[in-house]
Amino acid sequence: MDKKIDIAIDYYYKKGQDILTKVNKKSDITADELIKYGEEMAIIEYKLTALEIAKEN
């Protein structure tokens, strides 16, 4: 089970990095886009936290 959790953690970590890369590459990002990316990052961080807790237990 730990292997599946590690795979999921890696997946969500990469998704978060992809979002950060998109945001950092855009020089003309709109407020709506920034809010959308922020919401996506919040979801990813929530999932990563839950996975880390599951891994500890």
PDB file of N, CA and C in Angstrom:
ATOM      1  N   MET A   1       0.822  -1.200   0.000  1.00  0.00           N
ATOM      2  CA  MET A   1       0.000   0.000   0.000  1.00  0.00           C
ATOM      3  C   MET A   1       0.867   1.266   0.000  1.00  0.00           C
ATOM      4  N   ASP A   2       1.999   1.221   0.685  1.00  0.00           N
ATOM      5  CA  ASP A   2       2.870   2.392   0.735  1.00  0.00           C
ATOM      6  C   ASP A   2       3.374   2.785  -0.650  1.00  0.00           C
ATOM      7  N   LYS A   3       3.605   1.787  -1.498  1.00  0.00           N
ATOM      8  CA  LYS A   3       4.088   2.065  -2.853  1.00  0.00           C
ATOM      9  C   LYS A   3       3.050   2.868  -3.643  1.00  0.00           C
ATOM     10  N   LYS A   4       1.776   2.517  -3.489  1.00  0.00           N
ATOM     11  CA  LYS A   4       0.713   3.249  -4.183  1.00  0.00           C
ATOM     12  C   LYS A   4       0.610   4.676  -3.662  1.00  0.00           C
ATOM     13  N   ILE A   5       0.784   4.843  -2.363  1.00  0.00           N
ATOM     14  CA  ILE A   5       0.743   6.188  -1.779  1.00  0.00           C
ATOM     15  C   ILE A   5       1.912   7.016  -2.303  1.00  0.00           C
ATOM     16  N   ASP A   6       3.096   6.411  -2.365  1.00  0.00           N
ATOM     17  CA  ASP A   6       4.261   7.125  -2.890  1.00  0.00           C
ATOM     18  C   ASP A   6       4.059   7.537  -4.345  1.00  0.00           C
ATOM     19  N   ILE A   7       3.458   6.663  -5.122  1.00  0.00           N
ATOM     20  CA  ILE A   7       3.179   6.979  -6.528  1.00  0.00           C
ATOM     21  C   ILE A   7       2.193   8.147  -6.619  1.00  0.00           C
ATOM     22  N   ALA A   8       1.163   8.129  -5.786  1.00  0.00           N
ATOM     23  CA  ALA A   8       0.177   9.217  -5.781  1.00  0.00           C
ATOM     24  C   ALA A   8       0.817  10.529  -5.334  1.00  0.00           C
ATOM     25  N   ILE A   9       1.685  10.463  -4.335  1.00  0.00           N
ATOM     26  CA  ILE A   9       2.380  11.673  -3.873  1.00  0.00           C
ATOM     27  C   ILE A   9       3.229  12.248  -5.004  1.00  0.00           C
ATOM     28  N   ASP A  10       3.969  11.399  -5.686  1.00  0.00           N
ATOM     29  CA  ASP A  10       4.784  11.863  -6.811  1.00  0.00           C
ATOM     30  C   ASP A  10       3.925  12.499  -7.901  1.00  0.00           C
ATOM     31  N   TYR A  11       2.782  11.884  -8.184  1.00  0.00           N
ATOM     32  CA  TYR A  11       1.873  12.396  -9.211  1.00  0.00           C
ATOM     33  C   TYR A  11       1.380  13.802  -8.852  1.00  0.00           C
ATOM     34  N   TYR A  12       0.880  13.966  -7.632  1.00  0.00           N
ATOM     35  CA  TYR A  12       0.344  15.266  -7.250  1.00  0.00           C
ATOM     36  C   TYR A  12       1.430  16.317  -7.087  1.00  0.00           C
ATOM     37  N   TYR A  13       2.619  15.896  -6.671  1.00  0.00           N
ATOM     38  CA  TYR A  13       3.730  16.828  -6.585  1.00  0.00           C
ATOM     39  C   TYR A  13       4.062  17.361  -7.980  1.00  0.00           C
ATOM     40  N   LYS A  14       4.090  16.456  -8.966  1.00  0.00           N
ATOM     41  CA  LYS A  14       4.375  16.874 -10.346  1.00  0.00           C
ATOM     42  C   LYS A  14       3.282  17.789 -10.882  1.00  0.00           C
ATOM     43  N   LYS A  15       2.022  17.475 -10.569  1.00  0.00           N
ATOM     44  CA  LYS A  15       0.920  18.344 -11.011  1.00  0.00           C
ATOM     45  C   LYS A  15       1.089  19.753 -10.431  1.00  0.00           C
ATOM     46  N   GLY A  16       1.466  19.838  -9.181  1.00  0.00           N
ATOM     47  CA  GLY A  16       1.698  21.135  -8.547  1.00  0.00           C
ATOM     48  C   GLY A  16       2.841  21.885  -9.200  1.00  0.00           C
ATOM     49  N   GLN A  17       3.913  21.172  -9.502  1.00  0.00           N
ATOM     50  CA  GLN A  17       5.051  21.801 -10.174  1.00  0.00           C
ATOM     51  C   GLN A  17       4.669  22.291 -11.566  1.00  0.00           C
ATOM     52  N   ASP A  18       3.835  21.530 -12.257  1.00  0.00           N
ATOM     53  CA  ASP A  18       3.363  21.947 -13.588  1.00  0.00           C
ATOM     54  C   ASP A  18       2.579  23.258 -13.513  1.00  0.00           C
ATOM     55  N   ILE A  19       1.730  23.376 -12.500  1.00  0.00           N
ATOM     56  CA  ILE A  19       0.949  24.603 -12.336  1.00  0.00           C
ATOM     57  C   ILE A  19       1.873  25.777 -12.036  1.00  0.00           C
ATOM     58  N   LEU A  20       2.831  25.576 -11.139  1.00  0.00           N
ATOM     59  CA  LEU A  20       3.777  26.657 -10.813  1.00  0.00           C
ATOM     60  C   LEU A  20       4.571  27.086 -12.041  1.00  0.00           C
ATOM     61  N   THR A  21       4.950  26.135 -12.859  1.00  0.00           N
ATOM     62  CA  THR A  21       5.685  26.443 -14.084  1.00  0.00           C
ATOM     63  C   THR A  21       4.822  27.273 -15.029  1.00  0.00           C
ATOM     64  N   LYS A  22       3.560  26.885 -15.189  1.00  0.00           N
ATOM     65  CA  LYS A  22       2.649  27.651 -16.054  1.00  0.00           C
ATOM     66  C   LYS A  22       2.518  29.089 -15.567  1.00  0.00           C
ATOM     67  N   VAL A  23       2.313  29.247 -14.258  1.00  0.00           N
ATOM     68  CA  VAL A  23       2.122  30.587 -13.696  1.00  0.00           C
ATOM     69  C   VAL A  23       3.385  31.419 -13.864  1.00  0.00           C
ATOM     70  N   ASN A  24       4.530  30.837 -13.594  1.00  0.00           N
ATOM     71  CA  ASN A  24       5.786  31.583 -13.668  1.00  0.00           C
ATOM     72  C   ASN A  24       6.177  31.942 -15.095  1.00  0.00           C
ATOM     73  N   LYS A  25       5.737  31.176 -16.088  1.00  0.00           N
ATOM     74  CA  LYS A  25       6.068  31.468 -17.483  1.00  0.00           C
ATOM     75  C   LYS A  25       5.210  32.580 -18.065  1.00  0.00           C
ATOM     76  N   LYS A  26       4.016  32.789 -17.490  1.00  0.00           N
ATOM     77  CA  LYS A  26       3.100  33.791 -18.042  1.00  0.00           C
ATOM     78  C   LYS A  26       3.456  35.180 -17.521  1.00  0.00           C
ATOM     79  N   SER A  27       3.633  36.100 -18.432  1.00  0.00           N
ATOM     80  CA  SER A  27       3.912  37.473 -18.018  1.00  0.00           C
ATOM     81  C   SER A  27       2.637  38.323 -18.023  1.00  0.00           C
ATOM     82  N   ASP A  28       1.588  37.802 -18.634  1.00  0.00           N
ATOM     83  CA  ASP A  28       0.337  38.558 -18.731  1.00  0.00           C
ATOM     84  C   ASP A  28      -0.822  37.773 -18.102  1.00  0.00           C
ATOM     85  N   ILE A  29      -0.583  37.201 -16.935  1.00  0.00           N
ATOM     86  CA  ILE A  29      -1.607  36.382 -16.280  1.00  0.00           C
ATOM     87  C   ILE A  29      -2.726  37.283 -15.746  1.00  0.00           C
ATOM     88  N   THR A  30      -3.944  36.849 -15.943  1.00  0.00           N
ATOM     89  CA  THR A  30      -5.088  37.624 -15.465  1.00  0.00           C
ATOM     90  C   THR A  30      -5.433  37.204 -14.043  1.00  0.00           C
ATOM     91  N   ALA A  31      -6.221  38.013 -13.398  1.00  0.00           N
ATOM     92  CA  ALA A  31      -6.648  37.706 -12.033  1.00  0.00           C
ATOM     93  C   ALA A  31      -7.474  36.422 -12.008  1.00  0.00           C
ATOM     94  N   ASP A  32      -8.327  36.245 -13.012  1.00  0.00           N
ATOM     95  CA  ASP A  32      -9.135  35.024 -13.073  1.00  0.00           C
ATOM     96  C   ASP A  32      -8.272  33.777 -13.203  1.00  0.00           C
ATOM     97  N   GLU A  33      -7.239  33.864 -14.037  1.00  0.00           N
ATOM     98  CA  GLU A  33      -6.334  32.720 -14.189  1.00  0.00           C
ATOM     99  C   GLU A  33      -5.586  32.444 -12.887  1.00  0.00           C
ATOM    100  N   LEU A  34      -5.152  33.486 -12.238  1.00  0.00           N
ATOM    101  CA  LEU A  34      -4.421  33.341 -10.981  1.00  0.00           C
ATOM    102  C   LEU A  34      -5.304  32.697  -9.912  1.00  0.00           C
ATOM    103  N   ILE A  35      -6.557  33.092  -9.857  1.00  0.00           N
ATOM    104  CA  ILE A  35      -7.501  32.491  -8.915  1.00  0.00           C
ATOM    105  C   ILE A  35      -7.712  31.021  -9.252  1.00  0.00           C
ATOM    106  N   LYS A  36      -7.893  30.717 -10.529  1.00  0.00           N
ATOM    107  CA  LYS A  36      -8.095  29.327 -10.966  1.00  0.00           C
ATOM    108  C   LYS A  36      -6.900  28.457 -10.586  1.00  0.00           C
ATOM    109  N   TYR A  37      -5.698  28.943 -10.884  1.00  0.00           N
ATOM    110  CA  TYR A  37      -4.499  28.174 -10.541  1.00  0.00           C
ATOM    111  C   TYR A  37      -4.345  28.046  -9.022  1.00  0.00           C
ATOM    112  N   GLY A  38      -4.698  29.078  -8.297  1.00  0.00           N
ATOM    113  CA  GLY A  38      -4.638  29.020  -6.842  1.00  0.00           C
ATOM    114  C   GLY A  38      -5.578  27.975  -6.274  1.00  0.00           C
ATOM    115  N   GLU A  39      -6.760  27.902  -6.831  1.00  0.00           N
ATOM    116  CA  GLU A  39      -7.727  26.888  -6.385  1.00  0.00           C
ATOM    117  C   GLU A  39      -7.216  25.479  -6.688  1.00  0.00           C
ATOM    118  N   GLU A  40      -6.644  25.309  -7.871  1.00  0.00           N
ATOM    119  CA  GLU A  40      -6.091  24.001  -8.233  1.00  0.00           C
ATOM    120  C   GLU A  40      -4.944  23.616  -7.293  1.00  0.00           C
ATOM    121  N   MET A  41      -4.093  24.584  -6.957  1.00  0.00           N
ATOM    122  CA  MET A  41      -2.979  24.313  -6.051  1.00  0.00           C
ATOM    123  C   MET A  41      -3.481  23.963  -4.653  1.00  0.00           C
ATOM    124  N   ALA A  42      -4.543  24.625  -4.207  1.00  0.00           N
ATOM    125  CA  ALA A  42      -5.104  24.325  -2.893  1.00  0.00           C
ATOM    126  C   ALA A  42      -5.603  22.885  -2.840  1.00  0.00           C
ATOM    127  N   ILE A  43      -6.251  22.446  -3.895  1.00  0.00           N
ATOM    128  CA  ILE A  43      -6.751  21.065  -3.957  1.00  0.00           C
ATOM    129  C   ILE A  43      -5.586  20.080  -3.936  1.00  0.00           C
ATOM    130  N   ILE A  44      -4.564  20.375  -4.712  1.00  0.00           N
ATOM    131  CA  ILE A  44      -3.400  19.491  -4.764  1.00  0.00           C
ATOM    132  C   ILE A  44      -2.717  19.432  -3.400  1.00  0.00           C
ATOM    133  N   GLU A  45      -2.546  20.571  -2.750  1.00  0.00           N
ATOM    134  CA  GLU A  45      -1.907  20.590  -1.437  1.00  0.00           C
ATOM    135  C   GLU A  45      -2.736  19.823  -0.406  1.00  0.00           C
ATOM    136  N   TYR A  46      -4.043  19.931  -0.495  1.00  0.00           N
ATOM    137  CA  TYR A  46      -4.925  19.183   0.407  1.00  0.00           C
ATOM    138  C   TYR A  46      -4.736  17.680   0.196  1.00  0.00           C
ATOM    139  N   LYS A  47      -4.687  17.255  -1.058  1.00  0.00           N
ATOM    140  CA  LYS A  47      -4.509  15.837  -1.367  1.00  0.00           C
ATOM    141  C   LYS A  47      -3.136  15.350  -0.911  1.00  0.00           C
ATOM    142  N   LEU A  48      -2.102  16.160  -1.120  1.00  0.00           N
ATOM    143  CA  LEU A  48      -0.765  15.778  -0.676  1.00  0.00           C
ATOM    144  C   LEU A  48      -0.699  15.627   0.841  1.00  0.00           C
ATOM    145  N   THR A  49      -1.346  16.535   1.547  1.00  0.00           N
ATOM    146  CA  THR A  49      -1.378  16.450   3.011  1.00  0.00           C
ATOM    147  C   THR A  49      -2.075  15.172   3.455  1.00  0.00           C
ATOM    148  N   ALA A  50      -3.205  14.866   2.840  1.00  0.00           N
ATOM    149  CA  ALA A  50      -3.948  13.655   3.193  1.00  0.00           C
ATOM    150  C   ALA A  50      -3.114  12.405   2.896  1.00  0.00           C
ATOM    151  N   LEU A  51      -2.406  12.403   1.787  1.00  0.00           N
ATOM    152  CA  LEU A  51      -1.572  11.256   1.435  1.00  0.00           C
ATOM    153  C   LEU A  51      -0.404  11.092   2.411  1.00  0.00           C
ATOM    154  N   GLU A  52       0.194  12.195   2.821  1.00  0.00           N
ATOM    155  CA  GLU A  52       1.289  12.128   3.793  1.00  0.00           C
ATOM    156  C   GLU A  52       0.803  11.573   5.130  1.00  0.00           C
ATOM    157  N   ILE A  53      -0.377  11.982   5.539  1.00  0.00           N
ATOM    158  CA  ILE A  53      -0.957  11.459   6.785  1.00  0.00           C
ATOM    159  C   ILE A  53      -1.254   9.980   6.642  1.00  0.00           C
ATOM    160  N   ALA A  54      -1.807   9.585   5.514  1.00  0.00           N
ATOM    161  CA  ALA A  54      -2.096   8.166   5.279  1.00  0.00           C
ATOM    162  C   ALA A  54      -0.818   7.344   5.286  1.00  0.00           C
ATOM    163  N   LYS A  55       0.236   7.909   4.763  1.00  0.00           N
ATOM    164  CA  LYS A  55       1.519   7.202   4.705  1.00  0.00           C
ATOM    165  C   LYS A  55       2.069   6.976   6.118  1.00  0.00           C
ATOM    166  N   GLU A  56       1.880   7.938   7.003  1.00  0.00           N
ATOM    167  CA  GLU A  56       2.370   7.820   8.377  1.00  0.00           C
ATOM    168  C   GLU A  56       1.609   6.765   9.168  1.00  0.00           C
ATOM    169  N   ASN A  57       0.343   6.597   8.846  1.00  0.00           N
ATOM    170  CA  ASN A  57      -0.483   5.640   9.602  1.00  0.00           C
ATOM    171  C   ASN A  57      -0.418   4.329   8.993  1.00  0.00           C
TER     172      ASN A  57
END
